[in-house]
Amino acid sequence: MSSEATAHPIKTVAQELGQRIRKARNEKDLTIQALADMVGIEYTQMSRIELGKINTSVLQVCRISRALDISMSSLLKDLELNVSLKQIEDCRSEM
């Protein structure tokens, strides 16, 4: 395995989205609990979204982006560029 691959581990779409949500939440100085309350979901679900352990719905992404006062497009922009080609192919095959 090349050092480049080691430096940038392959992430799933859910993991990349979760990292973006966590970054935006931290920039707003919010706790996971505060964001979960704003979105209307349980703390554990918000935590699992940020960790990329679950895929979340477009509606939840919309609610999260509104709570963070950012656009959905900023969370989703170029998302596929940061995930493996296999993830993208898996996504295409489900269509």
Protein backbone atom coordinates (compact mmCIF):
# COMPACT_ATOMS: atom_id res chain seq x y z
CA MET A 1 0.00 0.00 0.00
CA SER A 2 1.38 3.40 -0.90
CA SER A 3 2.03 6.08 1.69
CA GLU A 4 -0.55 8.26 -0.08
CA ALA A 5 -3.24 5.66 0.56
CA THR A 6 -2.17 5.44 4.19
CA ALA A 7 -2.27 9.20 4.63
CA HIS A 8 -5.83 9.42 3.27
CA PRO A 9 -7.85 6.41 4.40
CA ILE A 10 -10.87 5.54 2.31
CA LYS A 11 -14.08 6.78 3.88
CA THR A 12 -17.68 5.93 3.23
CA VAL A 13 -20.16 8.58 2.14
CA ALA A 14 -21.74 8.43 5.60
CA GLN A 15 -18.37 8.94 7.31
CA GLU A 16 -17.47 11.92 5.15
CA LEU A 17 -20.88 13.52 5.70
CA GLY A 18 -20.62 12.88 9.44
CA GLN A 19 -17.22 14.55 9.60
CA ARG A 20 -18.59 17.59 7.80
CA ILE A 21 -21.52 17.81 10.20
CA ARG A 22 -19.21 17.47 13.23
CA LYS A 23 -16.89 20.17 11.87
CA ALA A 24 -19.79 22.57 11.30
CA ARG A 25 -21.21 21.79 14.75
CA ASN A 26 -17.86 22.46 16.41
CA GLU A 27 -17.51 25.74 14.50
CA LYS A 28 -20.89 26.78 15.97
CA ASP A 29 -19.72 25.73 19.45
CA LEU A 30 -22.61 23.28 19.84
CA THR A 31 -22.62 19.99 21.69
CA ILE A 32 -23.99 16.87 20.06
CA GLN A 33 -26.91 17.06 22.49
CA ALA A 34 -27.68 20.67 21.58
CA LEU A 35 -27.67 19.88 17.86
CA ALA A 36 -29.77 16.76 18.39
CA ASP A 37 -32.31 18.82 20.34
CA MET A 38 -32.42 21.44 17.58
CA VAL A 39 -32.96 18.76 14.94
CA GLY A 40 -35.47 16.82 17.04
CA ILE A 41 -33.60 13.53 17.24
CA GLU A 42 -31.97 11.51 20.01
CA TYR A 43 -28.38 12.16 21.07
CA THR A 44 -27.39 8.63 20.09
CA GLN A 45 -28.75 9.03 16.57
CA MET A 46 -26.91 12.33 16.10
CA SER A 47 -23.72 10.74 17.38
CA ARG A 48 -24.09 7.79 14.99
CA ILE A 49 -24.66 10.20 12.08
CA GLU A 50 -21.48 12.11 12.93
CA LEU A 51 -19.51 8.87 13.26
CA GLY A 52 -20.78 7.69 9.88
CA LYS A 53 -22.25 4.57 11.43
CA ILE A 54 -25.65 5.10 9.83
CA ASN A 55 -26.91 6.56 6.59
CA THR A 56 -29.29 9.40 7.23
CA SER A 57 -32.15 10.69 5.14
CA VAL A 58 -32.18 13.79 3.00
CA LEU A 59 -34.79 15.20 5.36
CA GLN A 60 -32.42 14.76 8.32
CA VAL A 61 -29.58 16.41 6.38
CA CYS A 62 -31.96 19.29 5.64
CA ARG A 63 -32.88 19.63 9.33
CA ILE A 64 -29.25 19.41 10.41
CA SER A 65 -28.16 22.03 7.90
CA ARG A 66 -30.93 24.38 9.04
CA ALA A 67 -29.99 23.88 12.68
CA LEU A 68 -26.36 24.66 11.82
CA ASP A 69 -27.45 27.62 9.66
CA ILE A 70 -25.56 26.31 6.64
CA SER A 71 -26.72 25.14 3.24
CA MET A 72 -27.29 21.49 2.46
CA SER A 73 -25.08 21.95 -0.57
CA SER A 74 -22.13 22.87 1.67
CA LEU A 75 -22.51 19.52 3.45
CA LEU A 76 -22.98 17.54 0.25
CA LYS A 77 -20.70 19.37 -2.20
CA ASP A 78 -18.18 17.08 -3.87
CA LEU A 79 -18.96 14.39 -1.31
CA GLU A 80 -18.13 11.65 -3.77
CA LEU A 81 -14.60 13.01 -4.28
CA ASN A 82 -13.65 11.97 -0.75
CA VAL A 83 -14.92 8.40 -0.88
CA SER A 84 -13.73 5.28 -2.60
CA LEU A 85 -14.63 4.47 -6.18
CA LYS A 86 -16.29 1.30 -4.90
CA GLN A 87 -18.67 3.39 -2.77
CA ILE A 88 -19.58 5.47 -5.81
CA GLU A 89 -20.14 2.36 -7.93
CA ASP A 90 -22.27 0.82 -5.17
CA CYS A 91 -24.34 4.00 -5.10
CA ARG A 92 -24.80 3.93 -8.89
CA SER A 93 -25.80 0.27 -8.90
CA GLU A 94 -28.60 1.00 -6.42
CA MET A 95 -30.19 3.48 -8.81
